[in-house]
Amino acid sequence: MAAMKPRTGEGPLEVTKEGRGLVMRVPLEGGGRLVVEISQQEATDLHAALSEVV
């Protein structure tokens, strides 16, 4: 995975395709971001799980 650049500000939730996976950047309360690399199947499962509660 490429080196992560420092980010300032909170910004929006982002998902980008990098290689075979997806990289999700989630802004956190108090600043910073949670960066998670997930597969397409994991993204589909996350979508299904969130759809049930929203």
Protein backbone atom coordinates (compact mmCIF):
# COMPACT_ATOMS: atom_id res chain seq x y z
CA MET A 1 0.00 0.00 0.00
CA ALA A 2 1.24 3.48 -0.83
CA ALA A 3 2.46 5.81 1.89
CA MET A 4 -0.39 7.73 3.49
CA LYS A 5 -0.20 11.51 3.30
CA PRO A 6 -1.12 13.41 6.45
CA ARG A 7 -4.55 15.01 6.20
CA THR A 8 -5.80 18.15 7.81
CA GLY A 9 -9.43 18.82 8.62
CA GLU A 10 -12.11 16.22 8.90
CA GLY A 11 -13.39 15.97 5.33
CA PRO A 12 -16.00 13.54 4.03
CA LEU A 13 -16.05 9.76 4.12
CA GLU A 14 -14.12 8.52 1.08
CA VAL A 15 -13.83 5.18 -0.68
CA THR A 16 -11.32 4.66 -3.49
CA LYS A 17 -10.38 1.60 -5.53
CA GLU A 18 -6.70 0.80 -5.13
CA GLY A 19 -5.42 -2.33 -6.81
CA ARG A 20 -7.78 -5.23 -6.10
CA GLY A 21 -9.22 -3.71 -2.94
CA LEU A 22 -11.14 -0.69 -1.75
CA VAL A 23 -9.69 1.83 0.70
CA MET A 24 -12.23 3.46 3.01
CA ARG A 25 -11.28 6.64 4.91
CA VAL A 26 -13.66 7.47 7.75
CA PRO A 27 -13.32 10.81 9.59
CA LEU A 28 -13.22 10.42 13.38
CA GLU A 29 -14.57 12.63 16.13
CA GLY A 30 -11.76 14.75 17.48
CA GLY A 31 -9.85 14.71 14.18
CA GLY A 32 -7.96 12.14 12.20
CA ARG A 33 -9.21 9.34 9.98
CA LEU A 34 -9.67 5.61 10.22
CA VAL A 35 -8.22 4.02 7.07
CA VAL A 36 -9.36 0.48 6.25
CA GLU A 37 -8.64 -1.64 3.18
CA ILE A 38 -11.50 -4.00 2.34
CA SER A 39 -12.32 -6.42 -0.46
CA GLN A 40 -15.31 -6.11 -2.78
CA GLN A 41 -17.05 -8.94 -0.88
CA GLU A 42 -16.45 -7.21 2.47
CA ALA A 43 -17.89 -3.98 1.03
CA THR A 44 -20.99 -5.88 -0.13
CA ASP A 45 -21.38 -7.46 3.32
CA LEU A 46 -20.95 -4.07 5.00
CA HIS A 47 -23.60 -2.57 2.72
CA ALA A 48 -26.05 -5.36 3.59
CA ALA A 49 -25.39 -4.99 7.33
CA LEU A 50 -25.85 -1.20 7.26
CA SER A 51 -29.00 -1.45 5.12
CA GLU A 52 -30.66 -3.48 7.86
CA VAL A 53 -30.26 -0.76 10.49
CA VAL A 54 -30.72 2.42 8.45
